[in-house]
């Protein structure tokens, strides 16, 4: 009785596996060719959502045109498009998604400036998260100025928000908040009032100022609360 040729059988299996692999690879390549080809799955609808006050529509169209031209539903690189949108100075967040069968939806969230950061030119703005951004196109905003080191942004924002909340019940407006080394604070208010705070517990000392201001007999030019057990007032009519 003849023995089966195991070597020939093994070779036939190997060739069969190779042939199926080639067929599978070719099929995958053909399938990807159709998916990646804009002519077969073109983008026909581009929807942009968001409330914009400062974003330049022409700049948005320029960015979208660069990434959407010659891109299809499957071939569009969402990550690159999102990165390009986030590079726009006034864009805080960008969310992009495909919507079958031929659309892409883009949601842009605009930066909300909290204050001006420093006195640089061009102007640098800061948002409530402590993020700095510098638009190429100048805008005229009446916002307070924050001055300090970049790593002190969180402290400045915290005190700024407290000041603005407590000033709502007074005729005063915040114009400038500055943190001086090694830690003292100067606060310029409108009209023509400067408040000086020590580095120790500035928020508590600011609350003390609010109490003092409501009891002043006449308008003050400067109030110094850096003293451990008291304060000094310079009135506007002082010589």
Protein backbone atom coordinates (compact mmCIF):
# COMPACT_ATOMS: atom_id res chain seq x y z
CA UNK A 1 0.00 0.00 0.00
CA UNK A 2 1.47 3.36 -1.07
CA UNK A 3 1.98 6.04 1.56
CA UNK A 4 0.45 9.51 0.97
CA UNK A 5 2.85 12.16 -0.23
CA UNK A 6 2.76 14.53 2.73
CA UNK A 7 5.28 16.90 1.13
CA UNK A 8 3.06 17.49 -1.93
CA UNK A 9 0.01 17.96 0.30
CA UNK A 10 1.81 20.56 2.41
CA UNK A 11 2.97 22.42 -0.69
CA UNK A 12 -0.58 22.53 -2.06
CA UNK A 13 -1.86 24.00 1.21
CA UNK A 14 0.88 26.64 1.21
CA UNK A 15 0.08 27.69 -2.35
CA UNK A 16 -3.61 27.80 -1.54
CA UNK A 17 -3.01 30.07 1.46
CA UNK A 18 -0.73 32.34 -0.58
CA UNK A 19 -3.28 32.54 -3.39
CA UNK A 20 -6.10 33.44 -0.99
CA UNK A 21 -3.89 36.04 0.66
CA UNK A 22 -3.18 37.63 -2.71
CA UNK A 23 -6.85 37.64 -3.57
CA UNK A 24 -7.73 39.12 -0.17
CA UNK A 25 -5.05 41.79 -0.46
CA UNK A 26 -6.15 42.70 -3.96
CA UNK A 27 -9.75 42.91 -2.86
CA UNK A 28 -8.84 45.13 0.07
CA UNK A 29 -6.78 47.36 -2.19
CA UNK A 30 -9.61 47.71 -4.69
CA UNK A 31 -12.09 48.40 -1.90
CA UNK A 32 -9.83 51.07 -0.37
CA UNK A 33 -9.29 52.61 -3.82
CA UNK A 34 -13.03 53.21 -4.12
CA UNK A 35 -13.35 54.46 -0.54
CA UNK A 36 -10.47 56.91 -0.82
CA UNK A 37 -11.44 58.19 -4.24
CA UNK A 38 -13.46 61.46 -3.88
CA UNK A 39 -15.12 60.80 -7.22
CA UNK A 40 -17.02 57.81 -5.79
CA UNK A 41 -17.86 59.25 -2.33
CA UNK A 42 -17.76 63.04 -2.74
CA UNK A 43 -18.50 65.49 0.07
CA UNK A 44 -21.53 67.51 -0.93
CA UNK A 45 -22.67 69.08 2.34
CA UNK A 46 -20.52 71.06 4.80
CA UNK A 47 -22.33 72.36 7.85
CA UNK A 48 -20.66 74.83 10.23
CA UNK A 49 -22.25 75.50 13.61
CA UNK A 50 -21.38 78.00 16.32
CA UNK A 51 -22.03 81.52 17.58
CA UNK A 52 -19.35 83.82 16.21
CA UNK A 53 -18.51 87.40 17.12
CA UNK A 54 -14.83 87.64 16.30
CA UNK A 55 -14.02 84.73 13.96
CA UNK A 56 -13.22 85.80 10.43
CA UNK A 57 -15.55 83.92 8.02
CA UNK A 58 -13.11 84.37 5.13
CA UNK A 59 -10.35 82.72 7.16
CA UNK A 60 -12.63 79.81 8.06
CA UNK A 61 -13.54 79.32 4.39
CA UNK A 62 -9.86 79.39 3.48
CA UNK A 63 -9.01 76.66 6.00
CA UNK A 64 -11.96 74.50 4.98
CA UNK A 65 -11.26 74.92 1.31
CA UNK A 66 -7.68 73.79 1.76
CA UNK A 67 -8.71 70.55 3.49
CA UNK A 68 -12.01 69.78 1.80
CA UNK A 69 -10.93 70.30 -1.80
CA UNK A 70 -10.22 66.93 -3.44
CA UNK A 71 -11.31 65.11 -0.27
CA UNK A 72 -14.09 62.55 -0.16
CA UNK A 73 -16.30 61.24 2.60
CA UNK A 74 -13.78 58.59 3.65
CA UNK A 75 -10.54 60.24 2.59
CA UNK A 76 -11.06 63.45 4.59
CA UNK A 77 -8.50 63.63 7.41
CA UNK A 78 -10.57 64.76 10.38
CA UNK A 79 -7.55 65.11 12.69
CA UNK A 80 -5.72 67.47 10.34
CA UNK A 81 -8.84 69.54 9.77
CA UNK A 82 -9.47 69.80 13.51
CA UNK A 83 -5.85 70.85 14.12
CA UNK A 84 -6.14 73.54 11.45
CA UNK A 85 -9.34 74.89 12.98
CA UNK A 86 -7.84 74.97 16.48
CA UNK A 87 -4.89 76.95 15.12
CA UNK A 88 -7.23 79.89 14.48
CA UNK A 89 -6.69 82.31 17.41
CA UNK A 90 -10.38 82.81 18.17
CA UNK A 91 -11.24 79.08 18.16
CA UNK A 92 -11.42 77.49 21.61
CA UNK A 93 -12.84 74.09 20.59
CA UNK A 94 -13.44 72.30 17.29
CA UNK A 95 -15.53 69.14 16.84
CA UNK A 96 -15.73 67.52 13.40
CA UNK A 97 -17.66 64.42 12.33
CA UNK A 98 -18.76 62.69 9.16
CA UNK A 99 -22.50 62.27 8.52
CA UNK A 100 -23.43 59.56 6.07
CA UNK A 101 -23.55 59.59 3.13
CA UNK A 102 -21.98 62.84 1.92
CA UNK A 103 -21.72 65.42 4.72
CA UNK A 104 -19.28 66.74 7.30
CA UNK A 105 -20.46 68.70 10.33
CA UNK A 106 -18.10 71.18 11.98
CA UNK A 107 -18.86 72.77 15.35
CA UNK A 108 -16.61 75.64 16.41
CA UNK A 109 -16.65 77.22 19.86
CA UNK A 110 -15.28 80.75 20.00
CA UNK A 111 -12.93 82.04 22.64
CA UNK A 112 -14.54 84.22 25.32
CA UNK A 113 -11.98 86.82 26.42
CA UNK A 114 -12.02 87.52 30.13
CA UNK A 115 -9.39 90.26 30.19
CA UNK A 116 -6.46 91.72 28.35
CA UNK A 117 -3.16 90.10 29.27
CA UNK A 118 -0.38 92.63 29.72
CA UNK A 119 0.07 95.62 27.49
CA UNK A 120 1.62 93.97 24.47
CA UNK A 121 1.06 95.02 20.88
CA UNK A 122 -0.61 93.15 19.22
CA UNK A 123 -3.03 92.60 22.06
CA UNK A 124 -3.01 89.31 23.95
CA UNK A 125 -6.24 88.11 25.60
CA UNK A 126 -6.83 85.57 28.35
CA UNK A 127 -9.90 83.39 28.89
CA UNK A 128 -11.40 82.06 32.12
CA UNK A 129 -9.24 78.91 31.87
CA UNK A 130 -6.06 80.97 31.93
CA UNK A 131 -5.33 80.31 28.25
CA UNK A 132 -3.67 83.11 26.28
CA UNK A 133 -4.49 83.85 22.66
CA UNK A 134 -3.42 86.59 20.27
CA UNK A 135 -5.69 87.25 17.26
CA UNK A 136 -4.11 88.67 14.14
CA UNK A 137 -7.10 90.98 13.64
CA UNK A 138 -7.42 93.66 16.30
CA UNK A 139 -10.72 94.03 18.13
CA UNK A 140 -11.79 96.84 20.41
CA UNK A 141 -12.94 95.39 23.74
CA UNK A 142 -13.39 97.28 26.99
CA UNK A 143 -12.01 94.70 29.39
CA UNK A 144 -9.73 94.99 32.43
CA UNK A 145 -5.98 94.52 32.08
CA UNK A 146 -4.17 91.76 33.99
CA UNK A 147 -0.44 92.13 34.61
CA UNK A 148 1.75 89.48 36.16
CA UNK A 149 3.88 86.45 35.39
CA UNK A 150 2.30 83.76 33.21
CA UNK A 151 2.44 81.22 36.03
CA UNK A 152 0.37 83.64 38.17
CA UNK A 153 -2.54 83.67 35.72
CA UNK A 154 -4.71 81.47 37.95
CA UNK A 155 -4.29 83.80 40.95
CA UNK A 156 -5.04 86.85 38.84
CA UNK A 157 -8.20 85.31 37.37
CA UNK A 158 -9.47 84.20 40.79
CA UNK A 159 -9.09 87.68 42.28
CA UNK A 160 -10.42 89.32 39.13
CA UNK A 161 -13.64 87.32 39.28
CA UNK A 162 -14.14 88.15 42.95
CA UNK A 163 -13.54 91.84 42.28
CA UNK A 164 -16.01 91.97 39.41
CA UNK A 165 -18.67 90.17 41.45
CA UNK A 166 -18.39 92.53 44.42
CA UNK A 167 -18.15 95.69 42.30
CA UNK A 168 -21.55 95.04 40.75
CA UNK A 169 -23.14 96.73 43.80
CA UNK A 170 -20.93 99.84 43.51
CA UNK A 171 -20.38 102.57 40.90
CA UNK A 172 -16.77 101.41 40.49
CA UNK A 173 -15.33 99.51 37.53
CA UNK A 174 -12.14 97.48 37.36
CA UNK A 175 -9.57 98.84 34.95
CA UNK A 176 -6.32 97.12 35.88
CA UNK A 177 -5.18 94.34 38.22
CA UNK A 178 -1.46 93.86 38.74
CA UNK A 179 0.54 91.46 40.88
CA UNK A 180 3.89 92.91 41.91
CA UNK A 181 6.87 90.91 43.16
CA UNK A 182 7.21 89.61 45.80
CA UNK A 183 3.40 89.37 45.99
CA UNK A 184 1.64 92.68 46.60
CA UNK A 185 -1.31 93.76 44.47
CA UNK A 186 -2.45 97.02 42.94
CA UNK A 187 -5.98 97.48 41.68
CA UNK A 188 -6.96 100.45 39.56
CA UNK A 189 -10.64 101.28 39.55
CA UNK A 190 -12.69 103.77 37.62
CA UNK A 191 -13.05 106.59 38.45
CA UNK A 192 -9.50 107.31 39.71
CA UNK A 193 -9.17 105.00 42.67
CA UNK A 194 -6.23 102.73 43.41
CA UNK A 195 -6.41 99.94 46.00
CA UNK A 196 -3.24 98.34 47.36
CA UNK A 197 -3.28 94.84 48.87
CA UNK A 198 -0.64 92.80 50.64
CA UNK A 199 0.35 89.33 49.46
CA UNK A 200 -1.32 87.80 52.52
CA UNK A 201 -4.95 86.80 51.94
CA UNK A 202 -5.71 89.28 49.13
CA UNK A 203 -9.31 88.09 48.73
CA UNK A 204 -10.10 88.67 52.40
CA UNK A 205 -8.47 92.09 52.25
CA UNK A 206 -10.52 92.94 49.18
CA UNK A 207 -13.70 92.15 51.10
CA UNK A 208 -12.41 94.49 53.79
CA UNK A 209 -12.02 97.20 51.14
CA UNK A 210 -15.67 96.80 50.09
CA UNK A 211 -16.72 97.41 53.70
CA UNK A 212 -14.43 100.44 54.00
CA UNK A 213 -15.55 101.98 50.71
CA UNK A 214 -19.21 102.03 51.70
CA UNK A 215 -18.32 104.00 54.86
CA UNK A 216 -16.00 106.63 53.38
CA UNK A 217 -17.14 110.21 54.08
CA UNK A 218 -15.84 111.48 50.71
CA UNK A 219 -14.23 110.20 47.47
CA UNK A 220 -10.83 108.60 47.85
CA UNK A 221 -7.87 108.52 45.50
CA UNK A 222 -6.00 105.64 47.10
CA UNK A 223 -6.70 103.07 49.80
CA UNK A 224 -3.77 101.10 51.16
CA UNK A 225 -4.69 97.86 52.95
CA UNK A 226 -1.16 96.48 53.29
CA UNK A 227 -1.00 97.29 56.99
CA UNK A 228 -1.45 94.33 59.39
CA UNK A 229 -3.82 96.18 61.75
CA UNK A 230 -5.31 98.97 59.66
CA UNK A 231 -5.38 100.90 56.42
CA UNK A 232 -4.53 104.30 54.97
CA UNK A 233 -6.76 106.51 52.83
CA UNK A 234 -5.73 109.35 50.54
CA UNK A 235 -8.74 111.49 49.71
CA UNK A 236 -9.09 113.29 46.38
CA UNK A 237 -9.17 116.74 47.95
CA UNK A 238 -5.94 116.11 49.91
CA UNK A 239 -3.12 118.57 49.19
